[in-house]
Amino acid sequence: MSVWPNPQYPAPALAGAEGELVSITISVEPRLLEALLEALSRLDFPMNPQIYHQAAAVYVGGDGAKAVGPATLVEFPAYTGRLAGIREALRAAGFEAGALRCRSMLDEIRGGVERARTTLTETH
């Protein structure tokens, strides 16, 4: 018996009156962190973002060429009903739509558990 849902059945969602709870990740160049936080502060709901410095992002040029560069990641939970407002705040501040990644909170939690499980397996 497993505590994880059977893949044959739809996964449950954490949902409320404003939609499904998701994990938002925004990737920015380190020098743009202050501008991003300023844009997020204008949203009409409270948040306590996690900030990860010294990350790396893959940038894809118009010709398809890929380059890896430094990035800062900002993560916070939100409901899907808030996504349009988040995207608009980013657009108004000059950030590209591709900077935002949205993932189901349950998938995010499971991914963290799987990463921890993999790390434990690899170290033993």
C-alpha atoms as a PDB file:
ATOM      1  CA  MET A   1       0.000   0.000   0.000  1.00  0.00           C
ATOM      2  CA  SER A   2       1.315   3.433  -0.918  1.00  0.00           C
ATOM      3  CA  VAL A   3       0.501   6.836   0.490  1.00  0.00           C
ATOM      4  CA  TRP A   4       0.952   8.324  -3.013  1.00  0.00           C
ATOM      5  CA  PRO A   5      -2.033   8.506  -5.362  1.00  0.00           C
ATOM      6  CA  ASN A   6      -2.412   5.896  -8.056  1.00  0.00           C
ATOM      7  CA  PRO A   7      -1.255   7.435 -11.388  1.00  0.00           C
ATOM      8  CA  GLN A   8      -4.382   5.971 -13.058  1.00  0.00           C
ATOM      9  CA  TYR A   9      -6.576   8.395 -11.127  1.00  0.00           C
ATOM     10  CA  PRO A  10      -6.483  12.200 -11.265  1.00  0.00           C
ATOM     11  CA  ALA A  11      -4.318  13.731  -8.576  1.00  0.00           C
ATOM     12  CA  PRO A  12      -6.160  15.741  -5.950  1.00  0.00           C
ATOM     13  CA  ALA A  13      -5.528  19.461  -5.808  1.00  0.00           C
ATOM     14  CA  LEU A  14      -5.179  21.853  -2.918  1.00  0.00           C
ATOM     15  CA  ALA A  15      -7.940  24.292  -3.755  1.00  0.00           C
ATOM     16  CA  GLY A  16      -9.823  27.163  -2.221  1.00  0.00           C
ATOM     17  CA  ALA A  17     -12.271  29.843  -3.257  1.00  0.00           C
ATOM     18  CA  GLU A  18      -9.601  31.423  -5.506  1.00  0.00           C
ATOM     19  CA  GLY A  19      -8.627  28.214  -7.307  1.00  0.00           C
ATOM     20  CA  GLU A  20      -5.845  25.687  -6.938  1.00  0.00           C
ATOM     21  CA  LEU A  21      -2.859  26.428  -4.713  1.00  0.00           C
ATOM     22  CA  VAL A  22       0.266  26.602  -6.849  1.00  0.00           C
ATOM     23  CA  SER A  23       3.939  27.316  -6.375  1.00  0.00           C
ATOM     24  CA  ILE A  24       5.165  30.349  -8.318  1.00  0.00           C
ATOM     25  CA  THR A  25       8.843  30.570  -9.262  1.00  0.00           C
ATOM     26  CA  ILE A  26      10.207  33.688 -10.919  1.00  0.00           C
ATOM     27  CA  SER A  27      13.723  33.686 -12.324  1.00  0.00           C
ATOM     28  CA  VAL A  28      15.522  37.029 -12.706  1.00  0.00           C
ATOM     29  CA  GLU A  29      19.025  38.309 -13.210  1.00  0.00           C
ATOM     30  CA  PRO A  30      20.487  39.094  -9.779  1.00  0.00           C
ATOM     31  CA  ARG A  31      20.708  42.816 -10.574  1.00  0.00           C
ATOM     32  CA  LEU A  32      16.910  42.893 -11.164  1.00  0.00           C
ATOM     33  CA  LEU A  33      15.898  41.377  -7.814  1.00  0.00           C
ATOM     34  CA  GLU A  34      15.018  44.706  -6.221  1.00  0.00           C
ATOM     35  CA  ALA A  35      12.804  45.675  -9.172  1.00  0.00           C
ATOM     36  CA  LEU A  36      11.038  42.294  -9.013  1.00  0.00           C
ATOM     37  CA  LEU A  37      10.380  42.600  -5.283  1.00  0.00           C
ATOM     38  CA  GLU A  38       9.052  46.128  -5.834  1.00  0.00           C
ATOM     39  CA  ALA A  39       6.652  44.837  -8.517  1.00  0.00           C
ATOM     40  CA  LEU A  40       5.483  41.987  -6.255  1.00  0.00           C
ATOM     41  CA  SER A  41       4.911  44.390  -3.360  1.00  0.00           C
ATOM     42  CA  ARG A  42       2.186  46.075  -5.409  1.00  0.00           C
ATOM     43  CA  LEU A  43       0.070  42.911  -5.513  1.00  0.00           C
ATOM     44  CA  ASP A  44      -3.106  42.962  -3.439  1.00  0.00           C
ATOM     45  CA  PHE A  45      -2.359  39.860  -1.373  1.00  0.00           C
ATOM     46  CA  PRO A  46       0.319  39.163   1.241  1.00  0.00           C
ATOM     47  CA  MET A  47       3.269  36.941   0.454  1.00  0.00           C
ATOM     48  CA  ASN A  48       6.486  35.881   2.064  1.00  0.00           C
ATOM     49  CA  PRO A  49       8.721  34.894  -0.855  1.00  0.00           C
ATOM     50  CA  GLN A  50      11.693  32.588  -0.558  1.00  0.00           C
ATOM     51  CA  ILE A  51      14.729  34.003  -2.365  1.00  0.00           C
ATOM     52  CA  TYR A  52      17.454  31.744  -3.725  1.00  0.00           C
ATOM     53  CA  HIS A  53      20.646  33.491  -4.741  1.00  0.00           C
ATOM     54  CA  GLN A  54      23.398  31.997  -6.896  1.00  0.00           C
ATOM     55  CA  ALA A  55      21.080  29.853  -9.000  1.00  0.00           C
ATOM     56  CA  ALA A  56      21.611  29.301 -12.710  1.00  0.00           C
ATOM     57  CA  ALA A  57      19.156  29.786 -15.562  1.00  0.00           C
ATOM     58  CA  VAL A  58      19.221  28.531 -19.127  1.00  0.00           C
ATOM     59  CA  TYR A  59      18.552  31.302 -21.631  1.00  0.00           C
ATOM     60  CA  VAL A  60      17.405  30.403 -25.148  1.00  0.00           C
ATOM     61  CA  GLY A  61      18.128  32.921 -27.889  1.00  0.00           C
ATOM     62  CA  GLY A  62      16.015  33.596 -30.972  1.00  0.00           C
ATOM     63  CA  ASP A  63      18.246  31.233 -32.953  1.00  0.00           C
ATOM     64  CA  GLY A  64      17.716  28.433 -30.433  1.00  0.00           C
ATOM     65  CA  ALA A  65      21.196  28.740 -28.932  1.00  0.00           C
ATOM     66  CA  LYS A  66      21.283  28.055 -25.209  1.00  0.00           C
ATOM     67  CA  ALA A  67      23.411  29.847 -22.636  1.00  0.00           C
ATOM     68  CA  VAL A  68      23.630  29.393 -18.883  1.00  0.00           C
ATOM     69  CA  GLY A  69      23.771  32.513 -16.751  1.00  0.00           C
ATOM     70  CA  PRO A  70      23.419  33.545 -13.130  1.00  0.00           C
ATOM     71  CA  ALA A  71      19.909  33.900 -11.781  1.00  0.00           C
ATOM     72  CA  THR A  72      18.037  34.616  -8.596  1.00  0.00           C
ATOM     73  CA  LEU A  73      14.883  32.607  -7.931  1.00  0.00           C
ATOM     74  CA  VAL A  74      11.921  34.003  -6.036  1.00  0.00           C
ATOM     75  CA  GLU A  75       9.288  31.472  -4.937  1.00  0.00           C
ATOM     76  CA  PHE A  76       5.945  31.871  -3.200  1.00  0.00           C
ATOM     77  CA  PRO A  77       2.555  30.128  -3.031  1.00  0.00           C
ATOM     78  CA  ALA A  78      -0.511  31.663  -4.676  1.00  0.00           C
ATOM     79  CA  TYR A  79      -3.914  30.623  -5.911  1.00  0.00           C
ATOM     80  CA  THR A  80      -4.543  30.299  -9.648  1.00  0.00           C
ATOM     81  CA  GLY A  81      -7.128  33.070  -9.383  1.00  0.00           C
ATOM     82  CA  ARG A  82      -4.218  35.439  -8.665  1.00  0.00           C
ATOM     83  CA  LEU A  83      -2.081  34.448 -11.680  1.00  0.00           C
ATOM     84  CA  ALA A  84      -3.450  37.129 -14.031  1.00  0.00           C
ATOM     85  CA  GLY A  85      -2.596  39.837 -11.490  1.00  0.00           C
ATOM     86  CA  ILE A  86       0.904  38.436 -10.958  1.00  0.00           C
ATOM     87  CA  ARG A  87       1.541  38.271 -14.697  1.00  0.00           C
ATOM     88  CA  GLU A  88       0.236  41.820 -15.168  1.00  0.00           C
ATOM     89  CA  ALA A  89       2.460  43.148 -12.358  1.00  0.00           C
ATOM     90  CA  LEU A  90       5.484  41.500 -13.962  1.00  0.00           C
ATOM     91  CA  ARG A  91       4.582  42.807 -17.421  1.00  0.00           C
ATOM     92  CA  ALA A  92       4.055  46.344 -16.100  1.00  0.00           C
ATOM     93  CA  ALA A  93       7.508  46.206 -14.486  1.00  0.00           C
ATOM     94  CA  GLY A  94       9.133  45.081 -17.751  1.00  0.00           C
ATOM     95  CA  PHE A  95       9.682  41.399 -16.940  1.00  0.00           C
ATOM     96  CA  GLU A  96       9.246  38.735 -19.617  1.00  0.00           C
ATOM     97  CA  ALA A  97       6.395  36.240 -19.335  1.00  0.00           C
ATOM     98  CA  GLY A  98       8.903  33.382 -19.507  1.00  0.00           C
ATOM     99  CA  ALA A  99      10.387  34.423 -16.158  1.00  0.00           C
ATOM    100  CA  LEU A 100       7.360  32.945 -14.337  1.00  0.00           C
ATOM    101  CA  ARG A 101       6.880  29.221 -13.747  1.00  0.00           C
ATOM    102  CA  CYS A 102       3.747  27.853 -12.119  1.00  0.00           C
ATOM    103  CA  ARG A 103       3.505  24.345 -10.660  1.00  0.00           C
ATOM    104  CA  SER A 104       0.819  22.561  -8.654  1.00  0.00           C
ATOM    105  CA  MET A 105       1.665  22.786  -4.962  1.00  0.00           C
ATOM    106  CA  LEU A 106       1.122  19.037  -4.530  1.00  0.00           C
ATOM    107  CA  ASP A 107       3.535  18.345  -7.400  1.00  0.00           C
ATOM    108  CA  GLU A 108       6.029  20.745  -5.820  1.00  0.00           C
ATOM    109  CA  ILE A 109       5.742  18.985  -2.453  1.00  0.00           C
ATOM    110  CA  ARG A 110       6.026  15.540  -4.028  1.00  0.00           C
ATOM    111  CA  GLY A 111       9.013  16.692  -6.078  1.00  0.00           C
ATOM    112  CA  GLY A 112      10.769  17.813  -2.912  1.00  0.00           C
ATOM    113  CA  VAL A 113      10.079  14.470  -1.258  1.00  0.00           C
ATOM    114  CA  GLU A 114      11.329  12.618  -4.363  1.00  0.00           C
ATOM    115  CA  ARG A 115      14.512  14.766  -4.469  1.00  0.00           C
ATOM    116  CA  ALA A 116      15.131  14.033  -0.781  1.00  0.00           C
ATOM    117  CA  ARG A 117      14.490  10.326  -1.323  1.00  0.00           C
ATOM    118  CA  THR A 118      16.868  10.249  -4.296  1.00  0.00           C
ATOM    119  CA  THR A 119      19.561  12.093  -2.346  1.00  0.00           C
ATOM    120  CA  LEU A 120      19.264   9.650   0.562  1.00  0.00           C
ATOM    121  CA  THR A 121      19.432   6.675  -1.812  1.00  0.00           C
ATOM    122  CA  GLU A 122      22.479   8.059  -3.624  1.00  0.00           C
ATOM    123  CA  THR A 123      24.404   8.767  -0.411  1.00  0.00           C
ATOM    124  CA  HIS A 124      23.848   5.355   1.176  1.00  0.00           C
END
